[in-house]
Amino acid sequence: MASRLRVTQPRRPKALHSVQELAQQYTEQAIETLAEIMRDKDAPATARLAAAEALLNRGWGKPIQPSAQSESGTFEDWLDSLDDHTKQLIADDLNRRPDIDDDPAGAPPKTNARRRLPASYWS
């Protein structure tokens, strides 16, 4: 008779639960300590910054890190990979915004700073 493998979820050891419970009892005190360090003008700037970041991360969550663009891909490659609907949304937005120069790389703006993209570019 073939034996059946039993798959079980990993469980935390009881000791870990008790350590977590003990640590959680100091949550309010720890937050107050972080706030005191952050406000202490005599504390080193690095300690104040670390305390401020810890408070923000606990209150609002860590900020989302943008993913790195691949070195081989260009902005144009990324644009080409977009679907037609997204390309049209981008074109519509660019055409509505008069503050976007035709050449953001440093060329002086043309008299008509509104950017018009030909429909052939997006198809």
N, C-alpha and C. Protein backbone atom coordinates (compact mmCIF):
# COMPACT_ATOMS: atom_id res chain seq x y z
N MET A 1 0.83 -1.15 0.00
CA MET A 1 0.00 0.00 0.00
C MET A 1 0.90 1.24 0.00
N ALA A 2 0.61 2.16 -0.90
CA ALA A 2 1.44 3.37 -1.01
C ALA A 2 1.15 4.29 0.17
N SER A 3 2.20 4.80 0.72
CA SER A 3 2.02 5.72 1.85
C SER A 3 1.72 7.12 1.33
N ARG A 4 0.92 7.83 2.05
CA ARG A 4 0.55 9.19 1.65
C ARG A 4 1.43 10.18 2.40
N LEU A 5 1.91 11.15 1.66
CA LEU A 5 2.68 12.21 2.29
C LEU A 5 1.72 13.22 2.89
N ARG A 6 1.99 13.62 4.07
CA ARG A 6 1.14 14.58 4.74
C ARG A 6 1.84 15.94 4.73
N VAL A 7 1.19 16.90 4.10
CA VAL A 7 1.76 18.25 4.00
C VAL A 7 1.17 19.08 5.12
N THR A 8 2.02 19.64 5.94
CA THR A 8 1.55 20.49 7.04
C THR A 8 2.17 21.87 6.92
N GLN A 9 1.47 22.83 7.43
CA GLN A 9 1.98 24.20 7.44
C GLN A 9 3.02 24.32 8.55
N PRO A 10 4.11 25.03 8.29
CA PRO A 10 5.10 25.22 9.35
C PRO A 10 4.47 26.03 10.49
N ARG A 11 4.78 25.66 11.69
CA ARG A 11 4.23 26.34 12.86
C ARG A 11 5.35 27.03 13.61
N ARG A 12 4.99 28.14 14.22
CA ARG A 12 5.97 28.85 15.03
C ARG A 12 6.10 28.13 16.38
N PRO A 13 7.30 28.07 16.87
CA PRO A 13 7.47 27.47 18.19
C PRO A 13 6.76 28.29 19.25
N LYS A 14 6.30 27.62 20.31
CA LYS A 14 5.60 28.32 21.39
C LYS A 14 6.46 29.42 21.99
N ALA A 15 7.75 29.18 22.08
CA ALA A 15 8.65 30.18 22.66
C ALA A 15 8.60 31.49 21.88
N LEU A 16 8.49 31.39 20.54
CA LEU A 16 8.43 32.59 19.71
C LEU A 16 7.16 33.38 20.00
N HIS A 17 6.04 32.67 20.19
CA HIS A 17 4.79 33.36 20.51
C HIS A 17 4.92 34.13 21.81
N SER A 18 5.55 33.54 22.81
CA SER A 18 5.66 34.23 24.09
C SER A 18 6.60 35.43 24.00
N VAL A 19 7.66 35.33 23.18
CA VAL A 19 8.57 36.46 22.99
C VAL A 19 7.83 37.60 22.29
N GLN A 20 7.04 37.26 21.28
CA GLN A 20 6.27 38.29 20.58
C GLN A 20 5.29 38.98 21.52
N GLU A 21 4.60 38.20 22.31
CA GLU A 21 3.65 38.78 23.25
C GLU A 21 4.33 39.70 24.25
N LEU A 22 5.48 39.29 24.73
CA LEU A 22 6.23 40.14 25.66
C LEU A 22 6.66 41.44 24.99
N ALA A 23 7.18 41.34 23.78
CA ALA A 23 7.64 42.52 23.05
C ALA A 23 6.48 43.47 22.75
N GLN A 24 5.33 42.93 22.41
CA GLN A 24 4.18 43.76 22.07
C GLN A 24 3.69 44.58 23.26
N GLN A 25 4.00 44.15 24.46
CA GLN A 25 3.60 44.90 25.65
C GLN A 25 4.32 46.25 25.71
N TYR A 26 5.44 46.38 25.02
CA TYR A 26 6.24 47.60 25.07
C TYR A 26 6.04 48.48 23.84
N THR A 27 5.05 48.19 23.06
CA THR A 27 4.83 48.95 21.82
C THR A 27 4.67 50.44 22.09
N GLU A 28 3.78 50.80 22.99
CA GLU A 28 3.51 52.22 23.26
C GLU A 28 4.76 52.92 23.79
N GLN A 29 5.46 52.26 24.69
CA GLN A 29 6.68 52.83 25.26
C GLN A 29 7.76 53.00 24.17
N ALA A 30 7.86 52.03 23.27
CA ALA A 30 8.85 52.10 22.21
C ALA A 30 8.54 53.26 21.26
N ILE A 31 7.28 53.45 20.94
CA ILE A 31 6.89 54.56 20.06
C ILE A 31 7.20 55.90 20.74
N GLU A 32 6.91 55.99 22.04
CA GLU A 32 7.21 57.21 22.78
C GLU A 32 8.72 57.48 22.79
N THR A 33 9.52 56.42 22.94
CA THR A 33 10.98 56.58 22.94
C THR A 33 11.46 57.07 21.59
N LEU A 34 10.94 56.49 20.52
CA LEU A 34 11.31 56.95 19.18
C LEU A 34 10.97 58.42 18.99
N ALA A 35 9.79 58.82 19.46
CA ALA A 35 9.38 60.21 19.33
C ALA A 35 10.29 61.13 20.14
N GLU A 36 10.68 60.69 21.33
CA GLU A 36 11.59 61.50 22.15
C GLU A 36 12.94 61.68 21.46
N ILE A 37 13.47 60.62 20.89
CA ILE A 37 14.75 60.70 20.19
C ILE A 37 14.63 61.64 18.99
N MET A 38 13.54 61.51 18.25
CA MET A 38 13.33 62.34 17.07
C MET A 38 13.29 63.83 17.44
N ARG A 39 12.69 64.15 18.58
CA ARG A 39 12.54 65.56 18.99
C ARG A 39 13.75 66.11 19.75
N ASP A 40 14.66 65.24 20.16
CA ASP A 40 15.82 65.66 20.97
C ASP A 40 16.84 66.40 20.10
N LYS A 41 16.94 67.70 20.28
CA LYS A 41 17.86 68.52 19.47
C LYS A 41 19.33 68.17 19.73
N ASP A 42 19.63 67.58 20.90
CA ASP A 42 21.00 67.22 21.24
C ASP A 42 21.40 65.84 20.73
N ALA A 43 20.44 65.05 20.28
CA ALA A 43 20.74 63.71 19.77
C ALA A 43 21.44 63.84 18.42
N PRO A 44 22.29 62.87 18.07
CA PRO A 44 22.93 62.91 16.75
C PRO A 44 21.87 62.91 15.64
N ALA A 45 22.18 63.59 14.57
CA ALA A 45 21.23 63.68 13.44
C ALA A 45 20.86 62.31 12.92
N THR A 46 21.82 61.39 12.90
CA THR A 46 21.53 60.04 12.39
C THR A 46 20.51 59.32 13.27
N ALA A 47 20.61 59.52 14.59
CA ALA A 47 19.65 58.89 15.50
C ALA A 47 18.27 59.51 15.34
N ARG A 48 18.22 60.83 15.17
CA ARG A 48 16.93 61.51 14.98
C ARG A 48 16.27 61.08 13.68
N LEU A 49 17.08 60.97 12.63
CA LEU A 49 16.56 60.54 11.34
C LEU A 49 16.06 59.10 11.41
N ALA A 50 16.83 58.21 12.03
CA ALA A 50 16.42 56.81 12.15
C ALA A 50 15.12 56.70 12.94
N ALA A 51 14.98 57.48 14.00
CA ALA A 51 13.76 57.45 14.80
C ALA A 51 12.57 57.97 13.98
N ALA A 52 12.78 59.05 13.24
CA ALA A 52 11.70 59.59 12.41
C ALA A 52 11.27 58.59 11.34
N GLU A 53 12.24 57.95 10.68
CA GLU A 53 11.91 56.95 9.66
C GLU A 53 11.17 55.77 10.27
N ALA A 54 11.60 55.32 11.46
CA ALA A 54 10.94 54.20 12.11
C ALA A 54 9.49 54.55 12.44
N LEU A 55 9.26 55.77 12.92
CA LEU A 55 7.89 56.18 13.23
C LEU A 55 7.04 56.25 11.96
N LEU A 56 7.58 56.84 10.91
CA LEU A 56 6.83 56.93 9.66
C LEU A 56 6.51 55.54 9.09
N ASN A 57 7.50 54.66 9.12
CA ASN A 57 7.30 53.31 8.58
C ASN A 57 6.25 52.54 9.37
N ARG A 58 6.23 52.73 10.68
CA ARG A 58 5.25 52.02 11.49
C ARG A 58 3.86 52.64 11.34
N GLY A 59 3.82 53.94 11.14
CA GLY A 59 2.53 54.61 11.01
C GLY A 59 1.91 54.53 9.63
N TRP A 60 2.76 54.57 8.60
CA TRP A 60 2.26 54.65 7.23
C TRP A 60 2.73 53.51 6.34
N GLY A 61 3.64 52.68 6.84
CA GLY A 61 4.21 51.62 6.01
C GLY A 61 5.41 52.13 5.26
N LYS A 62 6.26 51.21 4.85
CA LYS A 62 7.45 51.62 4.10
C LYS A 62 7.05 52.10 2.72
N PRO A 63 7.74 53.12 2.21
CA PRO A 63 7.40 53.60 0.86
C PRO A 63 7.73 52.54 -0.19
N ILE A 64 6.95 52.56 -1.24
CA ILE A 64 7.16 51.62 -2.34
C ILE A 64 8.40 52.03 -3.10
N GLN A 65 9.28 51.07 -3.34
CA GLN A 65 10.50 51.34 -4.08
C GLN A 65 10.25 51.12 -5.57
N PRO A 66 10.58 52.08 -6.40
CA PRO A 66 10.39 51.87 -7.83
C PRO A 66 11.33 50.78 -8.33
N SER A 67 10.85 50.00 -9.27
CA SER A 67 11.71 48.96 -9.82
C SER A 67 12.71 49.58 -10.77
N ALA A 68 13.88 49.03 -10.79
CA ALA A 68 14.94 49.56 -11.66
C ALA A 68 14.64 49.21 -13.11
N GLN A 69 14.83 50.17 -13.97
CA GLN A 69 14.63 49.92 -15.40
C GLN A 69 15.82 49.12 -15.91
N SER A 70 15.52 48.18 -16.79
CA SER A 70 16.63 47.37 -17.29
C SER A 70 17.58 48.26 -18.08
N GLU A 71 18.85 47.95 -17.98
CA GLU A 71 19.86 48.78 -18.64
C GLU A 71 19.77 48.68 -20.16
N SER A 72 19.28 47.56 -20.65
CA SER A 72 19.22 47.38 -22.09
C SER A 72 18.03 48.08 -22.72
N GLY A 73 16.95 48.30 -21.93
CA GLY A 73 15.76 48.91 -22.47
C GLY A 73 15.84 50.42 -22.42
N THR A 74 15.27 51.07 -23.41
CA THR A 74 15.23 52.53 -23.45
C THR A 74 13.80 52.97 -23.15
N PHE A 75 13.64 54.25 -22.96
CA PHE A 75 12.31 54.80 -22.75
C PHE A 75 11.43 54.53 -23.97
N GLU A 76 12.01 54.64 -25.14
CA GLU A 76 11.26 54.38 -26.36
C GLU A 76 10.80 52.92 -26.43
N ASP A 77 11.67 51.99 -25.99
CA ASP A 77 11.28 50.58 -25.94
C ASP A 77 10.09 50.39 -25.01
N TRP A 78 10.13 51.07 -23.87
CA TRP A 78 9.03 50.97 -22.92
C TRP A 78 7.75 51.52 -23.54
N LEU A 79 7.85 52.68 -24.21
CA LEU A 79 6.67 53.24 -24.87
C LEU A 79 6.11 52.28 -25.91
N ASP A 80 6.99 51.66 -26.68
CA ASP A 80 6.55 50.72 -27.71
C ASP A 80 5.84 49.51 -27.11
N SER A 81 6.17 49.16 -25.87
CA SER A 81 5.57 47.99 -25.25
C SER A 81 4.17 48.25 -24.71
N LEU A 82 3.75 49.52 -24.66
CA LEU A 82 2.44 49.86 -24.12
C LEU A 82 1.33 49.49 -25.09
N ASP A 83 0.15 49.18 -24.53
CA ASP A 83 -0.98 48.89 -25.41
C ASP A 83 -1.54 50.20 -25.96
N ASP A 84 -2.37 50.10 -27.00
CA ASP A 84 -2.87 51.28 -27.70
C ASP A 84 -3.66 52.22 -26.79
N HIS A 85 -4.45 51.66 -25.90
CA HIS A 85 -5.26 52.49 -25.00
C HIS A 85 -4.37 53.34 -24.10
N THR A 86 -3.33 52.75 -23.54
CA THR A 86 -2.42 53.48 -22.66
C THR A 86 -1.67 54.54 -23.44
N LYS A 87 -1.24 54.22 -24.65
CA LYS A 87 -0.55 55.21 -25.49
C LYS A 87 -1.46 56.41 -25.76
N GLN A 88 -2.73 56.15 -26.01
CA GLN A 88 -3.68 57.23 -26.29
C GLN A 88 -3.88 58.09 -25.04
N LEU A 89 -3.95 57.48 -23.87
CA LEU A 89 -4.09 58.24 -22.63
C LEU A 89 -2.89 59.17 -22.42
N ILE A 90 -1.70 58.67 -22.68
CA ILE A 90 -0.49 59.47 -22.54
C ILE A 90 -0.51 60.63 -23.54
N ALA A 91 -0.85 60.33 -24.79
CA ALA A 91 -0.89 61.37 -25.82
C ALA A 91 -1.91 62.44 -25.47
N ASP A 92 -3.09 62.02 -25.00
CA ASP A 92 -4.12 62.99 -24.62
C ASP A 92 -3.63 63.88 -23.49
N ASP A 93 -2.96 63.28 -22.51
CA ASP A 93 -2.46 64.07 -21.38
C ASP A 93 -1.39 65.05 -21.82
N LEU A 94 -0.47 64.60 -22.66
CA LEU A 94 0.59 65.49 -23.14
C LEU A 94 0.02 66.64 -23.95
N ASN A 95 -0.99 66.37 -24.74
CA ASN A 95 -1.59 67.41 -25.57
C ASN A 95 -2.39 68.41 -24.74
N ARG A 96 -2.83 68.02 -23.55
CA ARG A 96 -3.59 68.93 -22.67
C ARG A 96 -2.68 69.83 -21.86
N ARG A 97 -1.41 69.47 -21.69
CA ARG A 97 -0.53 70.19 -20.78
C ARG A 97 0.40 71.13 -21.54
N PRO A 98 0.16 72.44 -21.46
CA PRO A 98 1.00 73.39 -22.18
C PRO A 98 2.37 73.59 -21.53
N ASP A 99 2.58 73.07 -20.33
CA ASP A 99 3.84 73.30 -19.63
C ASP A 99 4.92 72.29 -19.99
N ILE A 100 4.65 71.36 -20.87
CA ILE A 100 5.62 70.34 -21.25
C ILE A 100 6.32 70.78 -22.53
N ASP A 101 7.63 70.92 -22.44
CA ASP A 101 8.41 71.34 -23.61
C ASP A 101 8.57 70.19 -24.58
N ASP A 102 8.81 70.55 -25.85
CA ASP A 102 9.04 69.53 -26.87
C ASP A 102 10.33 68.77 -26.61
N ASP A 103 11.34 69.46 -26.09
CA ASP A 103 12.63 68.83 -25.86
C ASP A 103 13.08 69.10 -24.43
N PRO A 104 12.75 68.19 -23.50
CA PRO A 104 13.10 68.42 -22.10
C PRO A 104 14.60 68.26 -21.83
N ALA A 105 15.38 67.87 -22.84
CA ALA A 105 16.82 67.63 -22.63
C ALA A 105 17.62 68.92 -22.56
N GLY A 106 17.01 70.05 -22.73
CA GLY A 106 17.75 71.29 -22.56
C GLY A 106 17.67 72.25 -23.72
N ALA A 107 17.08 71.86 -24.83
CA ALA A 107 16.95 72.79 -25.95
C ALA A 107 15.97 73.89 -25.55
N PRO A 108 16.19 75.11 -26.02
CA PRO A 108 15.25 76.18 -25.66
C PRO A 108 13.85 75.84 -26.17
N PRO A 109 12.83 76.16 -25.39
CA PRO A 109 11.47 75.85 -25.82
C PRO A 109 11.10 76.59 -27.08
N LYS A 110 10.33 75.94 -27.90
CA LYS A 110 9.85 76.57 -29.13
C LYS A 110 8.72 77.52 -28.78
N THR A 111 8.32 78.33 -29.74
CA THR A 111 7.27 79.30 -29.46
C THR A 111 5.98 78.60 -29.05
N ASN A 112 5.68 77.48 -29.65
CA ASN A 112 4.50 76.72 -29.25
C ASN A 112 4.99 75.55 -28.39
N ALA A 113 4.88 75.70 -27.08
CA ALA A 113 5.41 74.69 -26.17
C ALA A 113 4.49 73.48 -26.04
N ARG A 114 3.28 73.58 -26.58
CA ARG A 114 2.38 72.43 -26.49
C ARG A 114 2.90 71.30 -27.36
N ARG A 115 2.93 70.14 -26.80
CA ARG A 115 3.49 68.99 -27.51
C ARG A 115 2.39 68.27 -28.27
N ARG A 116 2.55 68.16 -29.54
CA ARG A 116 1.61 67.43 -30.39
C ARG A 116 2.31 66.21 -30.94
N LEU A 117 1.79 65.07 -30.67
CA LEU A 117 2.40 63.84 -31.16
C LEU A 117 1.57 63.31 -32.32
N PRO A 118 2.21 62.97 -33.42
CA PRO A 118 1.45 62.48 -34.56
C PRO A 118 0.82 61.14 -34.23
N ALA A 119 -0.36 60.91 -34.78
CA ALA A 119 -1.09 59.66 -34.53
C ALA A 119 -0.28 58.46 -35.01
N SER A 120 0.57 58.65 -36.04
CA SER A 120 1.37 57.54 -36.56
C SER A 120 2.37 57.04 -35.52
N TYR A 121 2.78 57.91 -34.60
CA TYR A 121 3.74 57.49 -33.57
C TYR A 121 3.11 56.44 -32.66
N TRP A 122 1.83 56.58 -32.38
CA TRP A 122 1.15 55.71 -31.42
C TRP A 122 0.56 54.46 -32.04
N SER A 123 0.66 54.30 -33.33
CA SER A 123 0.06 53.10 -33.92
C SER A 123 1.10 52.07 -34.28
